[in-house]
N, C-alpha and C. Protein backbone atom coordinates (compact mmCIF):
# COMPACT_ATOMS: atom_id res chain seq x y z
N MET A 1 104.97 125.26 109.89
CA MET A 1 104.53 125.38 108.52
C MET A 1 103.44 124.34 108.24
N LYS A 2 102.38 124.76 107.60
CA LYS A 2 101.27 123.86 107.33
C LYS A 2 101.63 122.86 106.23
N ILE A 3 101.43 121.60 106.54
CA ILE A 3 101.64 120.53 105.58
C ILE A 3 100.37 120.45 104.72
N LYS A 4 100.47 120.81 103.45
CA LYS A 4 99.30 120.93 102.59
C LYS A 4 98.87 119.59 101.97
N ASN A 5 99.79 118.91 101.33
CA ASN A 5 99.48 117.67 100.60
C ASN A 5 99.95 116.47 101.42
N ILE A 6 99.00 115.68 101.89
CA ILE A 6 99.33 114.58 102.80
C ILE A 6 98.94 113.24 102.18
N THR A 7 99.94 112.37 102.06
CA THR A 7 99.67 111.00 101.64
C THR A 7 99.24 110.20 102.86
N VAL A 8 98.12 109.50 102.71
CA VAL A 8 97.64 108.62 103.77
C VAL A 8 97.68 107.19 103.26
N PHE A 9 98.44 106.36 103.94
CA PHE A 9 98.49 104.93 103.66
C PHE A 9 97.48 104.26 104.58
N CYS A 10 96.62 103.41 104.02
CA CYS A 10 95.63 102.72 104.85
C CYS A 10 95.10 101.50 104.11
N GLY A 11 94.32 100.72 104.82
CA GLY A 11 93.86 99.44 104.30
C GLY A 11 92.79 99.54 103.23
N SER A 12 92.86 98.61 102.29
CA SER A 12 91.77 98.44 101.33
C SER A 12 90.68 97.56 101.94
N SER A 13 90.92 97.14 103.17
CA SER A 13 89.92 96.43 103.98
C SER A 13 89.40 97.38 105.05
N GLU A 14 88.29 97.00 105.68
CA GLU A 14 87.68 97.84 106.70
C GLU A 14 88.20 97.54 108.11
N GLY A 15 88.81 96.38 108.29
CA GLY A 15 89.18 95.96 109.63
C GLY A 15 87.97 95.36 110.33
N LYS A 16 88.20 94.78 111.49
CA LYS A 16 87.12 94.09 112.22
C LYS A 16 86.27 95.01 113.06
N ASN A 17 86.77 96.19 113.37
CA ASN A 17 86.07 97.10 114.26
C ASN A 17 85.70 98.39 113.54
N ALA A 18 84.50 98.89 113.81
CA ALA A 18 83.98 100.08 113.14
C ALA A 18 84.84 101.32 113.42
N PHE A 19 85.59 101.32 114.51
CA PHE A 19 86.37 102.52 114.82
C PHE A 19 87.50 102.76 113.82
N TYR A 20 87.91 101.75 113.06
CA TYR A 20 88.92 101.98 112.02
C TYR A 20 88.35 102.83 110.88
N LEU A 21 87.14 102.47 110.44
CA LEU A 21 86.49 103.27 109.40
C LEU A 21 86.17 104.67 109.90
N GLU A 22 85.74 104.77 111.15
CA GLU A 22 85.42 106.08 111.70
C GLU A 22 86.67 106.96 111.78
N ALA A 23 87.81 106.38 112.13
CA ALA A 23 89.05 107.14 112.18
C ALA A 23 89.43 107.65 110.78
N ALA A 24 89.23 106.80 109.76
CA ALA A 24 89.51 107.23 108.39
C ALA A 24 88.60 108.39 107.99
N LYS A 25 87.33 108.28 108.34
CA LYS A 25 86.37 109.36 108.03
C LYS A 25 86.73 110.65 108.77
N GLU A 26 87.10 110.50 110.04
CA GLU A 26 87.44 111.69 110.84
C GLU A 26 88.67 112.39 110.27
N LEU A 27 89.68 111.62 109.89
CA LEU A 27 90.87 112.22 109.29
C LEU A 27 90.51 112.90 107.98
N GLY A 28 89.64 112.28 107.19
CA GLY A 28 89.18 112.89 105.94
C GLY A 28 88.49 114.22 106.18
N ARG A 29 87.62 114.26 107.19
CA ARG A 29 86.94 115.53 107.54
C ARG A 29 87.94 116.59 107.96
N ASP A 30 88.93 116.19 108.76
CA ASP A 30 89.93 117.14 109.22
C ASP A 30 90.78 117.67 108.06
N LEU A 31 91.16 116.79 107.15
CA LEU A 31 91.94 117.24 105.99
C LEU A 31 91.15 118.27 105.20
N ALA A 32 89.88 117.97 104.94
CA ALA A 32 89.04 118.89 104.16
C ALA A 32 88.84 120.22 104.88
N SER A 33 88.52 120.17 106.16
CA SER A 33 88.23 121.40 106.90
C SER A 33 89.47 122.28 107.05
N GLN A 34 90.64 121.69 106.95
CA GLN A 34 91.89 122.45 107.08
C GLN A 34 92.51 122.76 105.71
N ASP A 35 91.74 122.55 104.64
CA ASP A 35 92.19 122.85 103.28
C ASP A 35 93.49 122.12 102.93
N ARG A 36 93.52 120.84 103.29
CA ARG A 36 94.66 119.99 102.93
C ARG A 36 94.19 119.02 101.86
N THR A 37 95.09 118.62 101.01
CA THR A 37 94.79 117.67 99.94
C THR A 37 95.18 116.27 100.37
N LEU A 38 94.25 115.33 100.21
CA LEU A 38 94.52 113.92 100.47
C LEU A 38 95.13 113.29 99.23
N ILE A 39 96.24 112.61 99.43
CA ILE A 39 96.84 111.78 98.39
C ILE A 39 96.80 110.36 98.93
N TYR A 40 96.29 109.44 98.14
CA TYR A 40 96.14 108.07 98.66
C TYR A 40 96.14 107.10 97.49
N GLY A 41 95.92 105.83 97.78
CA GLY A 41 96.06 104.76 96.80
C GLY A 41 94.98 104.62 95.76
N GLY A 42 93.99 105.48 95.74
CA GLY A 42 93.03 105.54 94.65
C GLY A 42 91.88 104.55 94.67
N ALA A 43 91.74 103.77 95.72
CA ALA A 43 90.68 102.76 95.75
C ALA A 43 89.40 103.30 96.38
N GLN A 44 88.30 102.63 96.04
CA GLN A 44 86.99 103.00 96.59
C GLN A 44 86.56 102.08 97.72
N VAL A 45 87.42 101.16 98.12
CA VAL A 45 87.05 100.13 99.10
C VAL A 45 87.78 100.35 100.42
N GLY A 46 87.24 99.75 101.49
CA GLY A 46 87.88 99.73 102.79
C GLY A 46 88.09 101.11 103.38
N CYS A 47 89.13 101.21 104.22
CA CYS A 47 89.47 102.50 104.83
C CYS A 47 89.90 103.50 103.77
N MET A 48 90.45 103.00 102.67
CA MET A 48 90.85 103.90 101.58
C MET A 48 89.63 104.63 101.01
N GLY A 49 88.59 103.89 100.73
CA GLY A 49 87.37 104.51 100.23
C GLY A 49 86.74 105.43 101.24
N ALA A 50 86.80 105.05 102.51
CA ALA A 50 86.18 105.86 103.58
C ALA A 50 86.85 107.22 103.71
N ILE A 51 88.19 107.24 103.69
CA ILE A 51 88.87 108.53 103.84
C ILE A 51 88.67 109.40 102.61
N ALA A 52 88.68 108.80 101.43
CA ALA A 52 88.47 109.57 100.20
C ALA A 52 87.07 110.17 100.19
N ASN A 53 86.07 109.35 100.46
CA ASN A 53 84.69 109.83 100.45
C ASN A 53 84.47 110.93 101.48
N SER A 54 85.01 110.76 102.67
CA SER A 54 84.85 111.75 103.72
C SER A 54 85.50 113.07 103.33
N THR A 55 86.68 113.01 102.77
CA THR A 55 87.37 114.22 102.34
C THR A 55 86.56 114.94 101.27
N LEU A 56 86.08 114.19 100.28
CA LEU A 56 85.29 114.77 99.20
C LEU A 56 83.97 115.34 99.70
N GLU A 57 83.28 114.59 100.55
CA GLU A 57 81.98 115.02 101.08
C GLU A 57 82.08 116.31 101.89
N ASN A 58 83.26 116.57 102.41
CA ASN A 58 83.48 117.77 103.22
C ASN A 58 84.19 118.88 102.45
N GLY A 59 84.20 118.75 101.12
CA GLY A 59 84.71 119.81 100.26
C GLY A 59 86.20 119.79 99.99
N GLY A 60 86.87 118.71 100.34
CA GLY A 60 88.30 118.63 100.13
C GLY A 60 88.69 118.05 98.78
N ASP A 61 89.96 118.19 98.45
CA ASP A 61 90.52 117.63 97.22
C ASP A 61 91.18 116.30 97.53
N VAL A 62 91.02 115.36 96.60
CA VAL A 62 91.59 114.02 96.76
C VAL A 62 92.27 113.60 95.47
N ILE A 63 93.54 113.23 95.60
CA ILE A 63 94.32 112.72 94.47
C ILE A 63 94.59 111.25 94.73
N GLY A 64 94.15 110.40 93.81
CA GLY A 64 94.41 108.97 93.92
C GLY A 64 95.48 108.54 92.94
N VAL A 65 96.25 107.53 93.35
CA VAL A 65 97.28 106.96 92.48
C VAL A 65 97.11 105.45 92.55
N ILE A 66 96.77 104.86 91.41
CA ILE A 66 96.45 103.42 91.41
C ILE A 66 97.13 102.73 90.23
N PRO A 67 97.67 101.55 90.43
CA PRO A 67 98.22 100.79 89.31
C PRO A 67 97.10 100.28 88.39
N GLN A 68 97.41 100.17 87.12
CA GLN A 68 96.43 99.71 86.13
C GLN A 68 95.84 98.37 86.52
N LYS A 69 96.65 97.47 87.07
CA LYS A 69 96.18 96.13 87.46
C LYS A 69 95.02 96.22 88.46
N LEU A 70 95.12 97.15 89.42
CA LEU A 70 94.05 97.30 90.41
C LEU A 70 92.85 98.04 89.81
N LYS A 71 93.11 98.97 88.92
CA LYS A 71 92.01 99.66 88.25
C LYS A 71 91.20 98.66 87.42
N ASP A 72 91.89 97.69 86.82
CA ASP A 72 91.24 96.69 85.98
C ASP A 72 90.27 95.80 86.76
N VAL A 73 90.49 95.64 88.06
CA VAL A 73 89.56 94.82 88.86
C VAL A 73 88.49 95.70 89.52
N GLU A 74 88.34 96.91 89.02
CA GLU A 74 87.24 97.80 89.35
C GLU A 74 87.20 98.25 90.80
N ILE A 75 88.39 98.48 91.39
CA ILE A 75 88.37 99.05 92.73
C ILE A 75 88.76 100.52 92.72
N ALA A 76 89.05 101.07 91.54
CA ALA A 76 89.43 102.49 91.47
C ALA A 76 88.23 103.38 91.80
N HIS A 77 88.51 104.45 92.52
CA HIS A 77 87.49 105.44 92.86
C HIS A 77 87.40 106.40 91.68
N GLU A 78 86.25 106.48 91.07
CA GLU A 78 86.09 107.31 89.86
C GLU A 78 85.62 108.73 90.16
N GLY A 79 85.39 109.07 91.43
CA GLY A 79 84.87 110.40 91.75
C GLY A 79 85.88 111.34 92.36
N LEU A 80 87.16 111.11 92.14
CA LEU A 80 88.20 111.90 92.79
C LEU A 80 88.48 113.20 92.05
N THR A 81 89.16 114.11 92.71
CA THR A 81 89.61 115.34 92.09
C THR A 81 90.57 115.01 90.95
N GLU A 82 91.49 114.08 91.20
CA GLU A 82 92.42 113.57 90.19
C GLU A 82 92.65 112.09 90.46
N LEU A 83 92.80 111.32 89.39
CA LEU A 83 93.17 109.92 89.51
C LEU A 83 94.31 109.66 88.54
N HIS A 84 95.46 109.28 89.08
CA HIS A 84 96.62 108.93 88.26
C HIS A 84 96.67 107.41 88.17
N VAL A 85 96.72 106.89 86.96
CA VAL A 85 96.85 105.45 86.74
C VAL A 85 98.28 105.19 86.29
N VAL A 86 98.97 104.35 87.04
CA VAL A 86 100.37 104.04 86.77
C VAL A 86 100.53 102.56 86.47
N ALA A 87 101.72 102.16 86.04
CA ALA A 87 101.94 100.78 85.62
C ALA A 87 102.21 99.83 86.79
N THR A 88 102.95 100.29 87.79
CA THR A 88 103.40 99.38 88.85
C THR A 88 103.21 99.98 90.24
N MET A 89 103.35 99.14 91.25
CA MET A 89 103.31 99.61 92.63
C MET A 89 104.48 100.55 92.92
N HIS A 90 105.64 100.27 92.32
CA HIS A 90 106.80 101.15 92.51
C HIS A 90 106.49 102.55 91.99
N GLU A 91 105.88 102.62 90.82
CA GLU A 91 105.51 103.92 90.26
C GLU A 91 104.47 104.60 91.14
N ARG A 92 103.56 103.83 91.67
CA ARG A 92 102.53 104.39 92.56
C ARG A 92 103.17 105.08 93.76
N LYS A 93 104.08 104.37 94.43
CA LYS A 93 104.71 104.94 95.62
C LYS A 93 105.55 106.16 95.28
N ALA A 94 106.27 106.10 94.17
CA ALA A 94 107.10 107.24 93.77
C ALA A 94 106.23 108.46 93.45
N LYS A 95 105.12 108.24 92.77
CA LYS A 95 104.22 109.35 92.43
C LYS A 95 103.61 109.96 93.69
N MET A 96 103.14 109.11 94.59
CA MET A 96 102.55 109.60 95.84
C MET A 96 103.59 110.41 96.63
N ALA A 97 104.80 109.91 96.71
CA ALA A 97 105.85 110.61 97.46
C ALA A 97 106.18 111.95 96.82
N SER A 98 106.19 112.00 95.49
CA SER A 98 106.54 113.26 94.82
C SER A 98 105.45 114.31 94.99
N LEU A 99 104.21 113.89 95.15
CA LEU A 99 103.10 114.83 95.33
C LEU A 99 102.95 115.30 96.78
N SER A 100 103.62 114.64 97.70
CA SER A 100 103.33 114.78 99.13
C SER A 100 104.27 115.70 99.87
N ASP A 101 103.70 116.35 100.92
CA ASP A 101 104.49 117.13 101.87
C ASP A 101 104.65 116.39 103.19
N GLY A 102 103.94 115.28 103.35
CA GLY A 102 104.01 114.49 104.58
C GLY A 102 103.20 113.22 104.42
N PHE A 103 103.40 112.29 105.35
CA PHE A 103 102.83 110.95 105.25
C PHE A 103 102.19 110.53 106.57
N ILE A 104 101.04 109.88 106.47
CA ILE A 104 100.36 109.33 107.64
C ILE A 104 99.96 107.89 107.32
N ALA A 105 100.15 107.01 108.28
CA ALA A 105 99.62 105.65 108.16
C ALA A 105 98.46 105.49 109.13
N LEU A 106 97.31 105.13 108.59
CA LEU A 106 96.18 104.65 109.38
C LEU A 106 96.39 103.14 109.55
N PRO A 107 95.60 102.47 110.38
CA PRO A 107 95.71 101.02 110.45
C PRO A 107 95.51 100.37 109.07
N GLY A 108 96.26 99.33 108.84
CA GLY A 108 96.18 98.60 107.58
C GLY A 108 97.04 97.36 107.65
N GLY A 109 97.18 96.71 106.52
CA GLY A 109 97.93 95.46 106.45
C GLY A 109 99.34 95.64 105.94
N ALA A 110 99.85 94.60 105.28
CA ALA A 110 101.24 94.58 104.83
C ALA A 110 101.55 95.73 103.88
N GLY A 111 100.61 96.05 102.98
CA GLY A 111 100.85 97.13 102.03
C GLY A 111 100.99 98.47 102.73
N THR A 112 100.14 98.73 103.69
CA THR A 112 100.20 99.97 104.46
C THR A 112 101.54 100.08 105.19
N LEU A 113 101.93 99.00 105.86
CA LEU A 113 103.19 99.00 106.60
C LEU A 113 104.38 99.18 105.67
N GLU A 114 104.35 98.47 104.56
CA GLU A 114 105.48 98.54 103.62
C GLU A 114 105.61 99.94 103.05
N GLU A 115 104.50 100.56 102.68
CA GLU A 115 104.55 101.91 102.12
C GLU A 115 105.05 102.92 103.15
N TRP A 116 104.54 102.82 104.38
CA TRP A 116 104.96 103.76 105.41
C TRP A 116 106.43 103.55 105.77
N PHE A 117 106.85 102.30 105.91
CA PHE A 117 108.25 102.05 106.26
C PHE A 117 109.21 102.53 105.18
N GLU A 118 108.78 102.48 103.94
CA GLU A 118 109.65 102.98 102.87
C GLU A 118 109.89 104.48 103.04
N VAL A 119 108.82 105.27 103.25
CA VAL A 119 109.03 106.71 103.38
C VAL A 119 109.74 107.05 104.70
N PHE A 120 109.51 106.28 105.75
CA PHE A 120 110.24 106.47 107.01
C PHE A 120 111.74 106.19 106.80
N THR A 121 112.06 105.13 106.07
CA THR A 121 113.46 104.82 105.77
C THR A 121 114.09 105.93 104.95
N TRP A 122 113.34 106.45 103.97
CA TRP A 122 113.86 107.57 103.17
C TRP A 122 114.17 108.77 104.05
N ALA A 123 113.35 109.02 105.09
CA ALA A 123 113.62 110.12 106.02
C ALA A 123 114.90 109.86 106.80
N GLN A 124 115.09 108.61 107.25
CA GLN A 124 116.32 108.26 107.97
C GLN A 124 117.56 108.54 107.12
N LEU A 125 117.45 108.27 105.83
CA LEU A 125 118.58 108.43 104.91
C LEU A 125 118.64 109.82 104.29
N SER A 126 117.75 110.70 104.70
CA SER A 126 117.67 112.08 104.22
C SER A 126 117.36 112.20 102.73
N TYR A 127 116.61 111.24 102.21
CA TYR A 127 116.10 111.39 100.84
C TYR A 127 114.96 112.40 100.80
N HIS A 128 114.32 112.61 101.93
CA HIS A 128 113.34 113.69 102.08
C HIS A 128 113.35 114.15 103.52
N GLN A 129 112.72 115.28 103.78
CA GLN A 129 112.66 115.85 105.14
C GLN A 129 111.20 116.02 105.56
N LYS A 130 110.34 115.17 105.04
CA LYS A 130 108.90 115.27 105.28
C LYS A 130 108.50 114.47 106.52
N PRO A 131 107.49 114.96 107.26
CA PRO A 131 107.06 114.23 108.45
C PRO A 131 106.38 112.90 108.13
N CYS A 132 106.62 111.93 108.99
CA CYS A 132 106.05 110.58 108.86
C CYS A 132 105.25 110.28 110.12
N GLY A 133 103.92 110.26 110.00
CA GLY A 133 103.06 110.09 111.16
C GLY A 133 102.32 108.77 111.19
N LEU A 134 101.99 108.35 112.39
CA LEU A 134 101.15 107.18 112.61
C LEU A 134 99.92 107.63 113.39
N LEU A 135 98.73 107.37 112.84
CA LEU A 135 97.50 107.60 113.59
C LEU A 135 97.21 106.32 114.36
N ASN A 136 97.48 106.35 115.64
CA ASN A 136 97.47 105.16 116.47
C ASN A 136 96.06 104.89 117.02
N VAL A 137 95.18 104.45 116.14
CA VAL A 137 93.77 104.21 116.45
C VAL A 137 93.65 103.02 117.42
N HIS A 138 93.11 103.28 118.60
CA HIS A 138 92.90 102.24 119.62
C HIS A 138 94.15 101.39 119.85
N GLY A 139 95.31 102.04 119.85
CA GLY A 139 96.56 101.34 120.13
C GLY A 139 97.04 100.41 119.04
N PHE A 140 96.49 100.55 117.82
CA PHE A 140 96.85 99.65 116.72
C PHE A 140 98.37 99.57 116.53
N TYR A 141 99.05 100.70 116.63
CA TYR A 141 100.49 100.73 116.35
C TYR A 141 101.36 100.52 117.58
N ASP A 142 100.78 100.27 118.74
CA ASP A 142 101.59 100.02 119.94
C ASP A 142 102.59 98.88 119.75
N PRO A 143 102.19 97.72 119.21
CA PRO A 143 103.18 96.65 119.01
C PRO A 143 104.30 97.04 118.04
N LEU A 144 103.95 97.80 117.01
CA LEU A 144 104.96 98.24 116.05
C LEU A 144 105.95 99.20 116.72
N LEU A 145 105.44 100.12 117.51
CA LEU A 145 106.32 101.06 118.20
C LEU A 145 107.22 100.34 119.20
N SER A 146 106.69 99.30 119.83
CA SER A 146 107.52 98.47 120.72
C SER A 146 108.63 97.78 119.94
N MET A 147 108.30 97.30 118.75
CA MET A 147 109.31 96.65 117.92
C MET A 147 110.38 97.64 117.49
N ILE A 148 109.98 98.85 117.14
CA ILE A 148 110.96 99.88 116.78
C ILE A 148 111.86 100.18 117.97
N ASP A 149 111.28 100.30 119.16
CA ASP A 149 112.09 100.51 120.36
C ASP A 149 113.05 99.34 120.58
N HIS A 150 112.60 98.13 120.28
CA HIS A 150 113.45 96.95 120.41
C HIS A 150 114.62 97.01 119.43
N THR A 151 114.37 97.47 118.20
CA THR A 151 115.47 97.58 117.23
C THR A 151 116.51 98.59 117.72
N ILE A 152 116.06 99.62 118.42
CA ILE A 152 116.99 100.61 118.99
C ILE A 152 117.78 99.97 120.12
N GLN A 153 117.10 99.27 121.02
CA GLN A 153 117.76 98.62 122.16
C GLN A 153 118.80 97.61 121.70
N GLU A 154 118.52 96.95 120.58
CA GLU A 154 119.43 95.92 120.07
C GLU A 154 120.50 96.48 119.12
N GLY A 155 120.52 97.80 118.95
CA GLY A 155 121.59 98.43 118.18
C GLY A 155 121.43 98.42 116.67
N PHE A 156 120.21 98.19 116.18
CA PHE A 156 119.98 98.18 114.74
C PHE A 156 119.44 99.50 114.21
N MET A 157 119.12 100.42 115.13
CA MET A 157 118.61 101.72 114.71
C MET A 157 119.04 102.74 115.76
N LYS A 158 119.42 103.93 115.30
CA LYS A 158 119.80 104.98 116.24
C LYS A 158 118.57 105.53 116.94
N GLU A 159 118.74 105.85 118.20
CA GLU A 159 117.63 106.37 119.00
C GLU A 159 117.06 107.65 118.41
N THR A 160 117.91 108.46 117.79
CA THR A 160 117.43 109.72 117.22
C THR A 160 116.43 109.50 116.08
N TYR A 161 116.49 108.36 115.43
CA TYR A 161 115.54 108.08 114.34
C TYR A 161 114.12 107.90 114.86
N ARG A 162 113.98 107.52 116.12
CA ARG A 162 112.65 107.39 116.72
C ARG A 162 111.94 108.75 116.72
N ASP A 163 112.74 109.83 116.80
CA ASP A 163 112.17 111.18 116.78
C ASP A 163 111.59 111.56 115.42
N LEU A 164 111.91 110.80 114.40
CA LEU A 164 111.35 111.06 113.07
C LEU A 164 109.91 110.56 112.95
N ILE A 165 109.46 109.79 113.92
CA ILE A 165 108.11 109.21 113.89
C ILE A 165 107.18 110.06 114.75
N ILE A 166 106.13 110.57 114.12
CA ILE A 166 105.14 111.38 114.82
C ILE A 166 103.93 110.50 115.09
N VAL A 167 103.51 110.43 116.35
CA VAL A 167 102.42 109.53 116.72
C VAL A 167 101.37 110.28 117.53
N ASP A 168 100.11 110.02 117.22
CA ASP A 168 99.02 110.51 118.05
C ASP A 168 97.80 109.65 117.79
N THR A 169 96.87 109.69 118.76
CA THR A 169 95.62 108.95 118.63
C THR A 169 94.51 109.82 118.05
N ASP A 170 94.74 111.12 118.00
CA ASP A 170 93.75 112.08 117.53
C ASP A 170 94.20 112.70 116.21
N PRO A 171 93.38 112.64 115.16
CA PRO A 171 93.79 113.17 113.86
C PRO A 171 94.19 114.64 113.88
N LYS A 172 93.41 115.48 114.57
CA LYS A 172 93.74 116.92 114.63
C LYS A 172 95.09 117.16 115.29
N LYS A 173 95.34 116.46 116.39
CA LYS A 173 96.61 116.62 117.10
C LYS A 173 97.78 116.10 116.26
N LEU A 174 97.55 115.00 115.55
CA LEU A 174 98.60 114.47 114.68
C LEU A 174 98.95 115.49 113.60
N LEU A 175 97.94 116.10 112.99
CA LEU A 175 98.19 117.11 111.96
C LEU A 175 98.93 118.31 112.54
N GLU A 176 98.57 118.73 113.75
CA GLU A 176 99.29 119.84 114.41
C GLU A 176 100.76 119.48 114.63
N LYS A 177 101.00 118.26 115.09
CA LYS A 177 102.39 117.82 115.30
C LYS A 177 103.15 117.78 113.98
N MET A 178 102.49 117.36 112.92
CA MET A 178 103.16 117.32 111.63
C MET A 178 103.50 118.73 111.14
N ASP A 179 102.61 119.67 111.37
CA ASP A 179 102.88 121.06 111.00
C ASP A 179 104.07 121.62 111.78
N ALA A 180 104.24 121.21 113.03
CA ALA A 180 105.32 121.71 113.88
C ALA A 180 106.63 120.94 113.71
N TYR A 181 106.62 119.90 112.92
CA TYR A 181 107.78 119.00 112.74
C TYR A 181 109.00 119.75 112.22
N LYS A 182 110.14 119.48 112.84
CA LYS A 182 111.43 119.99 112.38
C LYS A 182 112.33 118.80 112.12
N TYR A 183 112.72 118.64 110.89
CA TYR A 183 113.58 117.52 110.51
C TYR A 183 114.97 117.70 111.11
N SER A 184 115.51 116.60 111.61
CA SER A 184 116.87 116.61 112.15
C SER A 184 117.59 115.37 111.63
N TYR A 185 118.55 115.59 110.77
CA TYR A 185 119.29 114.47 110.16
C TYR A 185 120.50 114.13 110.97
N GLN A 186 120.70 112.85 111.15
CA GLN A 186 121.93 112.35 111.76
C GLN A 186 122.53 111.33 110.83
N VAL A 187 123.81 111.48 110.56
CA VAL A 187 124.49 110.54 109.66
C VAL A 187 124.41 109.15 110.26
N LYS A 188 123.93 108.21 109.45
CA LYS A 188 123.68 106.85 109.93
C LYS A 188 124.96 106.11 110.33
N TRP A 189 126.04 106.34 109.65
CA TRP A 189 127.22 105.50 109.83
C TRP A 189 128.30 106.14 110.68
N GLN A 190 127.94 107.05 111.56
CA GLN A 190 128.95 107.64 112.45
C GLN A 190 128.66 107.25 113.88
């Protein structure tokens, strides 16, 4: 089943290497060309701005969700299909999740990781059955995936939960995997 509305978590910074911005642009082009809607944090800066601009430039729809505090410091993207202004970061994440059919994390910092881990945790607990993907640009997420494997080895996470994480280095292939995703819930406490 085609995942239509995809939330992308990514940095409000550009990163040190140009390939991070290029990956954001490539994913934006792919979303637009496949008639998918980008849902993201609403900023015009960093990888966030790059993916939004790329999606828009290629004829796609973009929905931004930004807290008033960040809009007040003039980082909101004013050229989006829709821009939702909310009061808090909690409201932002809840709104993005409610609009979304799936989630992807591009490289980013603490905010990107926190947002992605929240929706991944919700999948573990069966609060939703939506795919959670990582676009592993130049191995950015390799250390994180090793840490997740370590949590499994040390008995803090069931091995089956690793199957809830969809990973690829290529945006098109990641989207294909997300479309093919079949949720499988396992009770955490048995």
